Amino acid sequence: MSLQERKEATVRAVLDAAPPPAVPNELCAEAMRRGGRALWRRRAAWRLLWLVLAVAAVVFLVWAATARPWVEPPSETTPPLTGW
């Protein structure tokens, strides 16, 4: 008998010896209530995340349109005059 077979035999003996545990009648309703709440929280978190990302994108676009970071700023000093 291999180790795997001994483990299976032990588990079968334990499962056959003990009667199945009693499950409360209201367990299903409680699980449904908690699951519904968890699902609502998860959806709310995803909606909040998408809202924050959308606001960040709009803020970035407004900043880019007003600041125009791709344009070179004007020179504040004149270049030296050479070659006269």
PDB file of N, CA and C in Angstrom:
ATOM      1  N   MET A   1       0.849  -1.168   0.000  1.00  0.00           N
ATOM      2  CA  MET A   1       0.000   0.000   0.000  1.00  0.00           C
ATOM      3  C   MET A   1       0.900   1.239   0.000  1.00  0.00           C
ATOM      4  N   SER A   2       0.654   2.133  -0.961  1.00  0.00           N
ATOM      5  CA  SER A   2       1.471   3.337  -1.078  1.00  0.00           C
ATOM      6  C   SER A   2       0.981   4.400  -0.100  1.00  0.00           C
ATOM      7  N   LEU A   3       1.775   5.444   0.005  1.00  0.00           N
ATOM      8  CA  LEU A   3       1.429   6.552   0.900  1.00  0.00           C
ATOM      9  C   LEU A   3       0.113   7.206   0.465  1.00  0.00           C
ATOM     10  N   GLN A   4      -0.055   7.368  -0.819  1.00  0.00           N
ATOM     11  CA  GLN A   4      -1.293   7.969  -1.357  1.00  0.00           C
ATOM     12  C   GLN A   4      -2.513   7.126  -0.978  1.00  0.00           C
ATOM     13  N   GLU A   5      -2.427   5.832  -1.127  1.00  0.00           N
ATOM     14  CA  GLU A   5      -3.553   4.948  -0.803  1.00  0.00           C
ATOM     15  C   GLU A   5      -3.848   4.973   0.686  1.00  0.00           C
ATOM     16  N   ARG A   6      -2.800   5.032   1.527  1.00  0.00           N
ATOM     17  CA  ARG A   6      -3.021   5.109   2.973  1.00  0.00           C
ATOM     18  C   ARG A   6      -3.726   6.410   3.339  1.00  0.00           C
ATOM     19  N   LYS A   7      -3.327   7.517   2.722  1.00  0.00           N
ATOM     20  CA  LYS A   7      -3.992   8.794   2.992  1.00  0.00           C
ATOM     21  C   LYS A   7      -5.459   8.750   2.582  1.00  0.00           C
ATOM     22  N   GLU A   8      -5.726   8.187   1.406  1.00  0.00           N
ATOM     23  CA  GLU A   8      -7.115   8.074   0.946  1.00  0.00           C
ATOM     24  C   GLU A   8      -7.924   7.198   1.880  1.00  0.00           C
ATOM     25  N   ALA A   9      -7.346   6.104   2.339  1.00  0.00           N
ATOM     26  CA  ALA A   9      -8.059   5.207   3.251  1.00  0.00           C
ATOM     27  C   ALA A   9      -8.349   5.910   4.575  1.00  0.00           C
ATOM     28  N   THR A  10      -7.400   6.689   5.059  1.00  0.00           N
ATOM     29  CA  THR A  10      -7.610   7.422   6.314  1.00  0.00           C
ATOM     30  C   THR A  10      -8.717   8.454   6.157  1.00  0.00           C
ATOM     31  N   VAL A  11      -8.700   9.173   5.062  1.00  0.00           N
ATOM     32  CA  VAL A  11      -9.745  10.182   4.832  1.00  0.00           C
ATOM     33  C   VAL A  11     -11.109   9.515   4.696  1.00  0.00           C
ATOM     34  N   ARG A  12     -11.184   8.405   3.985  1.00  0.00           N
ATOM     35  CA  ARG A  12     -12.464   7.698   3.848  1.00  0.00           C
ATOM     36  C   ARG A  12     -12.970   7.211   5.197  1.00  0.00           C
ATOM     37  N   ALA A  13     -12.071   6.718   6.037  1.00  0.00           N
ATOM     38  CA  ALA A  13     -12.471   6.236   7.364  1.00  0.00           C
ATOM     39  C   ALA A  13     -13.009   7.385   8.210  1.00  0.00           C
ATOM     40  N   VAL A  14     -12.356   8.541   8.138  1.00  0.00           N
ATOM     41  CA  VAL A  14     -12.817   9.697   8.918  1.00  0.00           C
ATOM     42  C   VAL A  14     -14.175  10.159   8.412  1.00  0.00           C
ATOM     43  N   LEU A  15     -14.347  10.214   7.101  1.00  0.00           N
ATOM     44  CA  LEU A  15     -15.623  10.681   6.543  1.00  0.00           C
ATOM     45  C   LEU A  15     -16.754   9.699   6.818  1.00  0.00           C
ATOM     46  N   ASP A  16     -16.465   8.409   6.797  1.00  0.00           N
ATOM     47  CA  ASP A  16     -17.507   7.412   7.056  1.00  0.00           C
ATOM     48  C   ASP A  16     -17.873   7.350   8.528  1.00  0.00           C
ATOM     49  N   ALA A  17     -16.943   7.634   9.436  1.00  0.00           N
ATOM     50  CA  ALA A  17     -17.184   7.494  10.868  1.00  0.00           C
ATOM     51  C   ALA A  17     -18.045   8.624  11.416  1.00  0.00           C
ATOM     52  N   ALA A  18     -17.828   9.834  10.995  1.00  0.00           N
ATOM     53  CA  ALA A  18     -18.531  10.986  11.566  1.00  0.00           C
ATOM     54  C   ALA A  18     -19.806  11.273  10.780  1.00  0.00           C
ATOM     55  N   PRO A  19     -20.887  11.560  11.499  1.00  0.00           N
ATOM     56  CA  PRO A  19     -22.110  11.966  10.792  1.00  0.00           C
ATOM     57  C   PRO A  19     -21.917  13.364  10.207  1.00  0.00           C
ATOM     58  N   PRO A  20     -22.605  13.671   9.130  1.00  0.00           N
ATOM     59  CA  PRO A  20     -22.445  15.009   8.549  1.00  0.00           C
ATOM     60  C   PRO A  20     -22.900  16.074   9.538  1.00  0.00           C
ATOM     61  N   PRO A  21     -22.213  17.194   9.572  1.00  0.00           N
ATOM     62  CA  PRO A  21     -22.580  18.248  10.527  1.00  0.00           C
ATOM     63  C   PRO A  21     -23.935  18.849  10.170  1.00  0.00           C
ATOM     64  N   ALA A  22     -24.626  19.296  11.194  1.00  0.00           N
ATOM     65  CA  ALA A  22     -25.923  19.934  10.983  1.00  0.00           C
ATOM     66  C   ALA A  22     -25.714  21.353  10.456  1.00  0.00           C
ATOM     67  N   VAL A  23     -26.440  21.706   9.423  1.00  0.00           N
ATOM     68  CA  VAL A  23     -26.329  23.031   8.815  1.00  0.00           C
ATOM     69  C   VAL A  23     -27.549  23.840   9.226  1.00  0.00           C
ATOM     70  N   PRO A  24     -27.350  25.040   9.762  1.00  0.00           N
ATOM     71  CA  PRO A  24     -28.486  25.878  10.162  1.00  0.00           C
ATOM     72  C   PRO A  24     -29.363  26.223   8.963  1.00  0.00           C
ATOM     73  N   ASN A  25     -30.658  26.361   9.210  1.00  0.00           N
ATOM     74  CA  ASN A  25     -31.609  26.653   8.131  1.00  0.00           C
ATOM     75  C   ASN A  25     -31.381  28.026   7.512  1.00  0.00           C
ATOM     76  N   GLU A  26     -30.979  28.992   8.323  1.00  0.00           N
ATOM     77  CA  GLU A  26     -30.829  30.359   7.824  1.00  0.00           C
ATOM     78  C   GLU A  26     -29.462  30.612   7.191  1.00  0.00           C
ATOM     79  N   LEU A  27     -28.652  29.586   7.035  1.00  0.00           N
ATOM     80  CA  LEU A  27     -27.311  29.759   6.485  1.00  0.00           C
ATOM     81  C   LEU A  27     -27.343  30.268   5.042  1.00  0.00           C
ATOM     82  N   CYS A  28     -28.230  29.751   4.232  1.00  0.00           N
ATOM     83  CA  CYS A  28     -28.307  30.164   2.827  1.00  0.00           C
ATOM     84  C   CYS A  28     -28.700  31.638   2.713  1.00  0.00           C
ATOM     85  N   ALA A  29     -29.696  32.047   3.482  1.00  0.00           N
ATOM     86  CA  ALA A  29     -30.130  33.449   3.429  1.00  0.00           C
ATOM     87  C   ALA A  29     -29.016  34.386   3.879  1.00  0.00           C
ATOM     88  N   GLU A  30     -28.296  34.002   4.928  1.00  0.00           N
ATOM     89  CA  GLU A  30     -27.194  34.835   5.424  1.00  0.00           C
ATOM     90  C   GLU A  30     -26.072  34.918   4.391  1.00  0.00           C
ATOM     91  N   ALA A  31     -25.764  33.802   3.745  1.00  0.00           N
ATOM     92  CA  ALA A  31     -24.721  33.801   2.716  1.00  0.00           C
ATOM     93  C   ALA A  31     -25.131  34.665   1.529  1.00  0.00           C
ATOM     94  N   MET A  32     -26.392  34.611   1.134  1.00  0.00           N
ATOM     95  CA  MET A  32     -26.874  35.439   0.024  1.00  0.00           C
ATOM     96  C   MET A  32     -26.794  36.929   0.380  1.00  0.00           C
ATOM     97  N   ARG A  33     -27.151  37.263   1.620  1.00  0.00           N
ATOM     98  CA  ARG A  33     -27.104  38.660   2.051  1.00  0.00           C
ATOM     99  C   ARG A  33     -25.669  39.176   2.050  1.00  0.00           C
ATOM    100  N   ARG A  34     -24.755  38.401   2.604  1.00  0.00           N
ATOM    101  CA  ARG A  34     -23.353  38.824   2.647  1.00  0.00           C
ATOM    102  C   ARG A  34     -22.748  38.886   1.249  1.00  0.00           C
ATOM    103  N   GLY A  35     -23.090  37.927   0.416  1.00  0.00           N
ATOM    104  CA  GLY A  35     -22.573  37.929  -0.949  1.00  0.00           C
ATOM    105  C   GLY A  35     -23.084  39.122  -1.740  1.00  0.00           C
ATOM    106  N   GLY A  36     -24.350  39.471  -1.531  1.00  0.00           N
ATOM    107  CA  GLY A  36     -24.903  40.646  -2.205  1.00  0.00           C
ATOM    108  C   GLY A  36     -24.210  41.918  -1.780  1.00  0.00           C
ATOM    109  N   ARG A  37     -23.927  42.019  -0.487  1.00  0.00           N
ATOM    110  CA  ARG A  37     -23.214  43.194   0.007  1.00  0.00           C
ATOM    111  C   ARG A  37     -21.795  43.268  -0.568  1.00  0.00           C
ATOM    112  N   ALA A  38     -21.119  42.130  -0.599  1.00  0.00           N
ATOM    113  CA  ALA A  38     -19.748  42.110  -1.137  1.00  0.00           C
ATOM    114  C   ALA A  38     -19.748  42.470  -2.623  1.00  0.00           C
ATOM    115  N   LEU A  39     -20.734  41.964  -3.350  1.00  0.00           N
ATOM    116  CA  LEU A  39     -20.831  42.291  -4.775  1.00  0.00           C
ATOM    117  C   LEU A  39     -21.102  43.778  -4.970  1.00  0.00           C
ATOM    118  N   TRP A  40     -21.965  44.359  -4.135  1.00  0.00           N
ATOM    119  CA  TRP A  40     -22.267  45.785  -4.237  1.00  0.00           C
ATOM    120  C   TRP A  40     -21.016  46.612  -3.957  1.00  0.00           C
ATOM    121  N   ARG A  41     -20.237  46.218  -2.934  1.00  0.00           N
ATOM    122  CA  ARG A  41     -19.010  46.949  -2.613  1.00  0.00           C
ATOM    123  C   ARG A  41     -17.999  46.860  -3.742  1.00  0.00           C
ATOM    124  N   ARG A  42     -17.875  45.688  -4.327  1.00  0.00           N
ATOM    125  CA  ARG A  42     -16.920  45.513  -5.428  1.00  0.00           C
ATOM    126  C   ARG A  42     -17.312  46.379  -6.614  1.00  0.00           C
ATOM    127  N   ARG A  43     -18.597  46.392  -6.951  1.00  0.00           N
ATOM    128  CA  ARG A  43     -19.057  47.235  -8.067  1.00  0.00           C
ATOM    129  C   ARG A  43     -18.838  48.712  -7.764  1.00  0.00           C
ATOM    130  N   ALA A  44     -19.121  49.121  -6.532  1.00  0.00           N
ATOM    131  CA  ALA A  44     -18.928  50.518  -6.150  1.00  0.00           C
ATOM    132  C   ALA A  44     -17.447  50.902  -6.243  1.00  0.00           C
ATOM    133  N   ALA A  45     -16.570  50.004  -5.832  1.00  0.00           N
ATOM    134  CA  ALA A  45     -15.134  50.289  -5.899  1.00  0.00           C
ATOM    135  C   ALA A  45     -14.685  50.435  -7.350  1.00  0.00           C
ATOM    136  N   TRP A  46     -15.160  49.551  -8.231  1.00  0.00           N
ATOM    137  CA  TRP A  46     -14.785  49.658  -9.654  1.00  0.00           C
ATOM    138  C   TRP A  46     -15.324  50.942 -10.266  1.00  0.00           C
ATOM    139  N   ARG A  47     -16.550  51.316  -9.930  1.00  0.00           N
ATOM    140  CA  ARG A  47     -17.108  52.567 -10.462  1.00  0.00           C
ATOM    141  C   ARG A  47     -16.314  53.774  -9.981  1.00  0.00           C
ATOM    142  N   LEU A  48     -15.931  53.752  -8.700  1.00  0.00           N
ATOM    143  CA  LEU A  48     -15.130  54.849  -8.159  1.00  0.00           C
ATOM    144  C   LEU A  48     -13.773  54.907  -8.847  1.00  0.00           C
ATOM    145  N   LEU A  49     -13.162  53.762  -9.084  1.00  0.00           N
ATOM    146  CA  LEU A  49     -11.878  53.726  -9.780  1.00  0.00           C
ATOM    147  C   LEU A  49     -11.997  54.307 -11.186  1.00  0.00           C
ATOM    148  N   TRP A  50     -13.022  53.922 -11.935  1.00  0.00           N
ATOM    149  CA  TRP A  50     -13.205  54.448 -13.288  1.00  0.00           C
ATOM    150  C   TRP A  50     -13.497  55.949 -13.258  1.00  0.00           C
ATOM    151  N   LEU A  51     -14.253  56.399 -12.260  1.00  0.00           N
ATOM    152  CA  LEU A  51     -14.530  57.825 -12.130  1.00  0.00           C
ATOM    153  C   LEU A  51     -13.243  58.605 -11.869  1.00  0.00           C
ATOM    154  N   VAL A  52     -12.406  58.099 -10.974  1.00  0.00           N
ATOM    155  CA  VAL A  52     -11.136  58.772 -10.677  1.00  0.00           C
ATOM    156  C   VAL A  52     -10.245  58.802 -11.913  1.00  0.00           C
ATOM    157  N   LEU A  53     -10.189  57.699 -12.654  1.00  0.00           N
ATOM    158  CA  LEU A  53      -9.378  57.676 -13.874  1.00  0.00           C
ATOM    159  C   LEU A  53      -9.908  58.658 -14.920  1.00  0.00           C
ATOM    160  N   ALA A  54     -11.221  58.740 -15.065  1.00  0.00           N
ATOM    161  CA  ALA A  54     -11.804  59.674 -16.040  1.00  0.00           C
ATOM    162  C   ALA A  54     -11.518  61.124 -15.639  1.00  0.00           C
ATOM    163  N   VAL A  55     -11.658  61.434 -14.355  1.00  0.00           N
ATOM    164  CA  VAL A  55     -11.369  62.799 -13.888  1.00  0.00           C
ATOM    165  C   VAL A  55      -9.891  63.123 -14.097  1.00  0.00           C
ATOM    166  N   ALA A  56      -9.012  62.167 -13.822  1.00  0.00           N
ATOM    167  CA  ALA A  56      -7.577  62.396 -14.027  1.00  0.00           C
ATOM    168  C   ALA A  56      -7.280  62.642 -15.509  1.00  0.00           C
ATOM    169  N   ALA A  57      -7.931  61.915 -16.397  1.00  0.00           N
ATOM    170  CA  ALA A  57      -7.709  62.115 -17.832  1.00  0.00           C
ATOM    171  C   ALA A  57      -8.187  63.498 -18.267  1.00  0.00           C
ATOM    172  N   VAL A  58      -9.340  63.919 -17.783  1.00  0.00           N
ATOM    173  CA  VAL A  58      -9.866  65.243 -18.139  1.00  0.00           C
ATOM    174  C   VAL A  58      -8.945  66.333 -17.599  1.00  0.00           C
ATOM    175  N   VAL A  59      -8.491  66.185 -16.365  1.00  0.00           N
ATOM    176  CA  VAL A  59      -7.589  67.182 -15.781  1.00  0.00           C
ATOM    177  C   VAL A  59      -6.295  67.255 -16.581  1.00  0.00           C
ATOM    178  N   PHE A  60      -5.757  66.112 -16.973  1.00  0.00           N
ATOM    179  CA  PHE A  60      -4.529  66.115 -17.767  1.00  0.00           C
ATOM    180  C   PHE A  60      -4.748  66.800 -19.110  1.00  0.00           C
ATOM    181  N   LEU A  61      -5.869  66.516 -19.776  1.00  0.00           N
ATOM    182  CA  LEU A  61      -6.129  67.132 -21.075  1.00  0.00           C
ATOM    183  C   LEU A  61      -6.296  68.642 -20.960  1.00  0.00           C
ATOM    184  N   VAL A  62      -6.980  69.098 -19.920  1.00  0.00           N
ATOM    185  CA  VAL A  62      -7.147  70.541 -19.728  1.00  0.00           C
ATOM    186  C   VAL A  62      -5.797  71.188 -19.447  1.00  0.00           C
ATOM    187  N   TRP A  63      -4.988  70.559 -18.599  1.00  0.00           N
ATOM    188  CA  TRP A  63      -3.660  71.103 -18.318  1.00  0.00           C
ATOM    189  C   TRP A  63      -2.807  71.149 -19.580  1.00  0.00           C
ATOM    190  N   ALA A  64      -2.824  70.084 -20.368  1.00  0.00           N
ATOM    191  CA  ALA A  64      -2.015  70.041 -21.582  1.00  0.00           C
ATOM    192  C   ALA A  64      -2.476  71.084 -22.587  1.00  0.00           C
ATOM    193  N   ALA A  65      -3.786  71.326 -22.648  1.00  0.00           N
ATOM    194  CA  ALA A  65      -4.285  72.324 -23.592  1.00  0.00           C
ATOM    195  C   ALA A  65      -3.921  73.741 -23.170  1.00  0.00           C
ATOM    196  N   THR A  66      -3.872  73.996 -21.876  1.00  0.00           N
ATOM    197  CA  THR A  66      -3.570  75.356 -21.423  1.00  0.00           C
ATOM    198  C   THR A  66      -2.071  75.593 -21.274  1.00  0.00           C
ATOM    199  N   ALA A  67      -1.315  74.632 -20.789  1.00  0.00           N
ATOM    200  CA  ALA A  67       0.119  74.830 -20.559  1.00  0.00           C
ATOM    201  C   ALA A  67       0.942  74.591 -21.816  1.00  0.00           C
ATOM    202  N   ARG A  68       0.470  73.774 -22.719  1.00  0.00           N
ATOM    203  CA  ARG A  68       1.155  73.407 -23.959  1.00  0.00           C
ATOM    204  C   ARG A  68       2.628  73.072 -23.686  1.00  0.00           C
ATOM    205  N   PRO A  69       2.885  71.973 -22.976  1.00  0.00           N
ATOM    206  CA  PRO A  69       4.267  71.641 -22.602  1.00  0.00           C
ATOM    207  C   PRO A  69       5.137  71.222 -23.779  1.00  0.00           C
ATOM    208  N   TRP A  70       4.566  70.978 -24.923  1.00  0.00           N
ATOM    209  CA  TRP A  70       5.363  70.562 -26.075  1.00  0.00           C
ATOM    210  C   TRP A  70       5.979  71.752 -26.808  1.00  0.00           C
ATOM    211  N   VAL A  71       5.537  72.969 -26.481  1.00  0.00           N
ATOM    212  CA  VAL A  71       6.064  74.175 -27.127  1.00  0.00           C
ATOM    213  C   VAL A  71       7.297  74.644 -26.357  1.00  0.00           C
ATOM    214  N   GLU A  72       8.354  75.007 -27.099  1.00  0.00           N
ATOM    215  CA  GLU A  72       9.573  75.490 -26.464  1.00  0.00           C
ATOM    216  C   GLU A  72       9.316  76.875 -25.889  1.00  0.00           C
ATOM    217  N   PRO A  73       9.707  77.100 -24.641  1.00  0.00           N
ATOM    218  CA  PRO A  73       9.465  78.424 -24.041  1.00  0.00           C
ATOM    219  C   PRO A  73      10.318  79.496 -24.738  1.00  0.00           C
ATOM    220  N   PRO A  74       9.840  80.738 -24.746  1.00  0.00           N
ATOM    221  CA  PRO A  74      10.607  81.800 -25.412  1.00  0.00           C
ATOM    222  C   PRO A  74      11.923  82.061 -24.672  1.00  0.00           C
ATOM    223  N   SER A  75      12.917  82.426 -25.439  1.00  0.00           N
ATOM    224  CA  SER A  75      14.227  82.701 -24.862  1.00  0.00           C
ATOM    225  C   SER A  75      14.179  84.009 -24.089  1.00  0.00           C
ATOM    226  N   GLU A  76      14.803  83.996 -22.911  1.00  0.00           N
ATOM    227  CA  GLU A  76      14.792  85.202 -22.084  1.00  0.00           C
ATOM    228  C   GLU A  76      16.045  86.048 -22.295  1.00  0.00           C
ATOM    229  N   THR A  77      17.035  85.494 -22.953  1.00  0.00           N
ATOM    230  CA  THR A  77      18.253  86.266 -23.257  1.00  0.00           C
ATOM    231  C   THR A  77      18.475  86.220 -24.764  1.00  0.00           C
ATOM    232  N   THR A  78      19.139  87.211 -25.251  1.00  0.00           N
ATOM    233  CA  THR A  78      19.431  87.229 -26.689  1.00  0.00           C
ATOM    234  C   THR A  78      20.701  86.435 -26.948  1.00  0.00           C
ATOM    235  N   PRO A  79      20.788  85.820 -28.098  1.00  0.00           N
ATOM    236  CA  PRO A  79      22.013  85.073 -28.408  1.00  0.00           C
ATOM    237  C   PRO A  79      23.168  86.051 -28.637  1.00  0.00           C
ATOM    238  N   PRO A  80      24.375  85.603 -28.416  1.00  0.00           N
ATOM    239  CA  PRO A  80      25.524  86.508 -28.632  1.00  0.00           C
ATOM    240  C   PRO A  80      25.672  86.856 -30.110  1.00  0.00           C
ATOM    241  N   LEU A  81      26.059  88.086 -30.364  1.00  0.00           N
ATOM    242  CA  LEU A  81      26.267  88.535 -31.731  1.00  0.00           C
ATOM    243  C   LEU A  81      27.693  88.183 -32.165  1.00  0.00           C
ATOM    244  N   THR A  82      27.797  87.322 -33.124  1.00  0.00           N
ATOM    245  CA  THR A  82      29.109  86.961 -33.645  1.00  0.00           C
ATOM    246  C   THR A  82      29.100  87.139 -35.158  1.00  0.00           C
ATOM    247  N   GLY A  83      30.244  87.371 -35.711  1.00  0.00           N
ATOM    248  CA  GLY A  83      30.361  87.470 -37.156  1.00  0.00           C
ATOM    249  C   GLY A  83      30.102  88.858 -37.703  1.00  0.00           C
ATOM    250  N   TRP A  84      30.176  89.914 -36.896  1.00  0.00           N
ATOM    251  CA  TRP A  84      30.009  91.270 -37.404  1.00  0.00           C
ATOM    252  C   TRP A  84      31.276  91.803 -37.887  1.00  0.00           C
TER     253      TRP A  84
END
